Amino acid sequence: MRNDTLEIDFFNGVADTSSVRWINDCEYIVKKLHPKSKSEEQSIHMKILSTTENSYTFEYNIVGKSQTSRGTAIKLE
């Protein structure tokens, strides 16, 4: 779940909350609000590449790093 300023992810039934800062309509920065390790303290740059009615494809990387990865998010009902 995500709105203009927060993103809540669930992993193994545990909620993980991050702040969201939008750069433009297709790019935003995610930063965990309660990191549990040094690696979780790093912000992630997300870039939405394409959308469909029920999904979107995105590219992401750790802020300051050049290596990027891609993924697809699918809306569950």
N, C-alpha and C. Protein backbone atom coordinates (compact mmCIF):
# COMPACT_ATOMS: atom_id res chain seq x y z
N MET A 1 0.84 -1.16 0.00
CA MET A 1 0.00 0.00 0.00
C MET A 1 0.89 1.24 0.00
N ARG A 2 0.51 2.23 -0.78
CA ARG A 2 1.30 3.46 -0.83
C ARG A 2 0.36 4.64 -1.03
N ASN A 3 0.68 5.76 -0.39
CA ASN A 3 0.00 7.01 -0.69
C ASN A 3 1.06 8.05 -1.01
N ASP A 4 0.74 9.31 -0.90
CA ASP A 4 1.70 10.36 -1.29
C ASP A 4 2.95 10.42 -0.44
N THR A 5 2.88 10.00 0.83
CA THR A 5 4.03 10.16 1.71
C THR A 5 4.48 8.88 2.43
N LEU A 6 3.69 7.81 2.38
CA LEU A 6 4.03 6.57 3.08
C LEU A 6 3.84 5.35 2.18
N GLU A 7 4.67 4.34 2.44
CA GLU A 7 4.55 3.05 1.77
C GLU A 7 4.61 1.97 2.84
N ILE A 8 3.65 1.04 2.82
CA ILE A 8 3.63 -0.06 3.78
C ILE A 8 3.73 -1.37 3.01
N ASP A 9 4.80 -2.11 3.27
CA ASP A 9 5.02 -3.42 2.65
C ASP A 9 4.83 -4.49 3.72
N PHE A 10 4.45 -5.68 3.30
CA PHE A 10 4.31 -6.80 4.22
C PHE A 10 5.22 -7.93 3.76
N PHE A 11 5.99 -8.47 4.69
CA PHE A 11 6.86 -9.61 4.41
C PHE A 11 6.70 -10.59 5.57
N ASN A 12 6.29 -11.81 5.26
CA ASN A 12 6.03 -12.83 6.28
C ASN A 12 5.08 -12.32 7.36
N GLY A 13 4.07 -11.55 6.95
CA GLY A 13 3.06 -11.06 7.87
C GLY A 13 3.46 -9.87 8.71
N VAL A 14 4.66 -9.33 8.50
CA VAL A 14 5.14 -8.19 9.28
C VAL A 14 5.13 -6.94 8.41
N ALA A 15 4.53 -5.86 8.94
CA ALA A 15 4.46 -4.60 8.20
C ALA A 15 5.80 -3.87 8.30
N ASP A 16 6.17 -3.20 7.21
CA ASP A 16 7.40 -2.43 7.13
C ASP A 16 7.04 -1.09 6.51
N THR A 17 7.22 0.00 7.25
CA THR A 17 6.78 1.32 6.80
C THR A 17 7.96 2.16 6.33
N SER A 18 7.78 2.85 5.20
CA SER A 18 8.81 3.73 4.64
C SER A 18 8.20 5.07 4.28
N SER A 19 9.03 6.10 4.30
CA SER A 19 8.60 7.40 3.81
C SER A 19 8.76 7.42 2.30
N VAL A 20 7.94 8.22 1.62
CA VAL A 20 7.99 8.36 0.17
C VAL A 20 8.14 9.84 -0.16
N ARG A 21 9.14 10.15 -0.98
CA ARG A 21 9.33 11.53 -1.46
C ARG A 21 9.31 11.49 -2.98
N TRP A 22 8.28 12.07 -3.57
CA TRP A 22 8.13 12.06 -5.03
C TRP A 22 9.06 13.08 -5.68
N ILE A 23 9.75 12.67 -6.73
CA ILE A 23 10.61 13.54 -7.53
C ILE A 23 9.80 14.12 -8.68
N ASN A 24 9.02 13.27 -9.34
CA ASN A 24 8.09 13.67 -10.40
C ASN A 24 6.98 12.62 -10.44
N ASP A 25 6.13 12.65 -11.45
CA ASP A 25 5.00 11.72 -11.50
C ASP A 25 5.40 10.25 -11.59
N CYS A 26 6.63 9.96 -12.00
CA CYS A 26 7.06 8.57 -12.21
C CYS A 26 8.25 8.14 -11.36
N GLU A 27 8.80 9.03 -10.55
CA GLU A 27 9.98 8.69 -9.75
C GLU A 27 9.81 9.14 -8.32
N TYR A 28 10.29 8.29 -7.40
CA TYR A 28 10.24 8.65 -5.99
C TYR A 28 11.37 7.97 -5.22
N ILE A 29 11.63 8.49 -4.02
CA ILE A 29 12.66 7.95 -3.13
C ILE A 29 11.95 7.33 -1.93
N VAL A 30 12.34 6.10 -1.59
CA VAL A 30 11.78 5.37 -0.44
C VAL A 30 12.86 5.25 0.63
N LYS A 31 12.49 5.55 1.90
CA LYS A 31 13.42 5.41 3.01
C LYS A 31 12.68 4.78 4.19
N LYS A 32 13.22 3.67 4.71
CA LYS A 32 12.58 2.98 5.82
C LYS A 32 12.53 3.88 7.05
N LEU A 33 11.39 3.88 7.72
CA LEU A 33 11.22 4.70 8.92
C LEU A 33 11.85 4.06 10.15
N HIS A 34 11.90 2.73 10.20
CA HIS A 34 12.45 2.02 11.35
C HIS A 34 13.42 0.93 10.89
N PRO A 35 14.59 1.34 10.35
CA PRO A 35 15.54 0.35 9.83
C PRO A 35 16.07 -0.54 10.95
N LYS A 36 16.26 -1.81 10.62
CA LYS A 36 16.76 -2.78 11.60
C LYS A 36 18.23 -3.11 11.37
N SER A 37 18.81 -2.58 10.30
CA SER A 37 20.22 -2.82 10.01
C SER A 37 20.77 -1.65 9.20
N LYS A 38 22.09 -1.61 9.04
CA LYS A 38 22.73 -0.56 8.24
C LYS A 38 22.24 -0.57 6.80
N SER A 39 22.07 -1.77 6.23
CA SER A 39 21.64 -1.84 4.83
C SER A 39 20.21 -1.30 4.66
N GLU A 40 19.35 -1.44 5.66
CA GLU A 40 17.99 -0.92 5.58
C GLU A 40 17.95 0.60 5.72
N GLU A 41 19.04 1.23 6.14
CA GLU A 41 19.09 2.69 6.26
C GLU A 41 19.25 3.38 4.90
N GLN A 42 19.63 2.63 3.88
CA GLN A 42 19.87 3.21 2.56
C GLN A 42 18.55 3.50 1.85
N SER A 43 18.47 4.68 1.23
CA SER A 43 17.28 5.05 0.46
C SER A 43 17.31 4.36 -0.89
N ILE A 44 16.11 4.13 -1.45
CA ILE A 44 15.99 3.47 -2.74
C ILE A 44 15.26 4.39 -3.71
N HIS A 45 15.83 4.54 -4.90
CA HIS A 45 15.24 5.35 -5.97
C HIS A 45 14.38 4.43 -6.84
N MET A 46 13.10 4.74 -6.94
CA MET A 46 12.16 3.95 -7.74
C MET A 46 11.74 4.77 -8.95
N LYS A 47 11.67 4.12 -10.11
CA LYS A 47 11.25 4.78 -11.34
C LYS A 47 10.23 3.90 -12.04
N ILE A 48 9.00 4.39 -12.19
CA ILE A 48 7.95 3.65 -12.87
C ILE A 48 8.18 3.77 -14.38
N LEU A 49 8.31 2.63 -15.05
CA LEU A 49 8.61 2.62 -16.48
C LEU A 49 7.37 2.48 -17.35
N SER A 50 6.41 1.66 -16.91
CA SER A 50 5.18 1.47 -17.69
C SER A 50 4.08 0.98 -16.76
N THR A 51 2.84 1.19 -17.18
CA THR A 51 1.69 0.78 -16.37
C THR A 51 0.67 0.05 -17.24
N THR A 52 -0.12 -0.80 -16.58
CA THR A 52 -1.29 -1.41 -17.18
C THR A 52 -2.44 -1.18 -16.20
N GLU A 53 -3.58 -1.74 -16.50
CA GLU A 53 -4.73 -1.55 -15.61
C GLU A 53 -4.46 -2.11 -14.20
N ASN A 54 -3.74 -3.23 -14.10
CA ASN A 54 -3.53 -3.89 -12.81
C ASN A 54 -2.08 -4.06 -12.39
N SER A 55 -1.14 -3.41 -13.10
CA SER A 55 0.27 -3.59 -12.74
C SER A 55 1.11 -2.42 -13.23
N TYR A 56 2.35 -2.40 -12.74
CA TYR A 56 3.33 -1.45 -13.29
C TYR A 56 4.71 -2.07 -13.24
N THR A 57 5.54 -1.72 -14.20
CA THR A 57 6.93 -2.17 -14.25
C THR A 57 7.79 -1.01 -13.77
N PHE A 58 8.78 -1.34 -12.95
CA PHE A 58 9.62 -0.29 -12.36
C PHE A 58 11.08 -0.69 -12.38
N GLU A 59 11.92 0.31 -12.23
CA GLU A 59 13.37 0.14 -12.12
C GLU A 59 13.75 0.74 -10.78
N TYR A 60 14.72 0.14 -10.09
CA TYR A 60 15.11 0.66 -8.78
C TYR A 60 16.59 0.48 -8.54
N ASN A 61 17.13 1.33 -7.67
CA ASN A 61 18.52 1.22 -7.26
C ASN A 61 18.71 1.92 -5.92
N ILE A 62 19.77 1.54 -5.22
CA ILE A 62 20.13 2.24 -3.99
C ILE A 62 20.66 3.61 -4.39
N VAL A 63 20.20 4.65 -3.71
CA VAL A 63 20.63 6.01 -4.03
C VAL A 63 22.15 6.09 -3.95
N GLY A 64 22.77 6.62 -4.99
CA GLY A 64 24.22 6.75 -5.05
C GLY A 64 24.92 5.59 -5.74
N LYS A 65 24.21 4.53 -6.04
CA LYS A 65 24.78 3.36 -6.73
C LYS A 65 24.27 3.34 -8.17
N SER A 66 25.07 2.84 -9.09
CA SER A 66 24.67 2.84 -10.50
C SER A 66 23.95 1.55 -10.92
N GLN A 67 24.12 0.46 -10.17
CA GLN A 67 23.49 -0.80 -10.53
C GLN A 67 21.97 -0.71 -10.31
N THR A 68 21.20 -1.03 -11.35
CA THR A 68 19.74 -1.00 -11.26
C THR A 68 19.16 -2.39 -11.46
N SER A 69 17.97 -2.57 -10.96
CA SER A 69 17.22 -3.81 -11.14
C SER A 69 15.82 -3.43 -11.60
N ARG A 70 15.09 -4.42 -12.12
CA ARG A 70 13.71 -4.19 -12.57
C ARG A 70 12.77 -5.15 -11.88
N GLY A 71 11.52 -4.73 -11.78
CA GLY A 71 10.49 -5.56 -11.19
C GLY A 71 9.13 -5.17 -11.71
N THR A 72 8.13 -5.96 -11.36
CA THR A 72 6.75 -5.67 -11.72
C THR A 72 5.89 -5.82 -10.48
N ALA A 73 5.04 -4.83 -10.23
CA ALA A 73 4.09 -4.87 -9.11
C ALA A 73 2.72 -5.16 -9.69
N ILE A 74 2.00 -6.09 -9.07
CA ILE A 74 0.68 -6.48 -9.54
C ILE A 74 -0.34 -6.20 -8.43
N LYS A 75 -1.44 -5.55 -8.79
CA LYS A 75 -2.48 -5.22 -7.82
C LYS A 75 -3.27 -6.49 -7.50
N LEU A 76 -3.37 -6.79 -6.19
CA LEU A 76 -4.14 -7.93 -5.72
C LEU A 76 -5.48 -7.43 -5.20
N GLU A 77 -6.50 -8.20 -5.44
CA GLU A 77 -7.83 -7.76 -4.96
C GLU A 77 -8.24 -8.53 -3.75
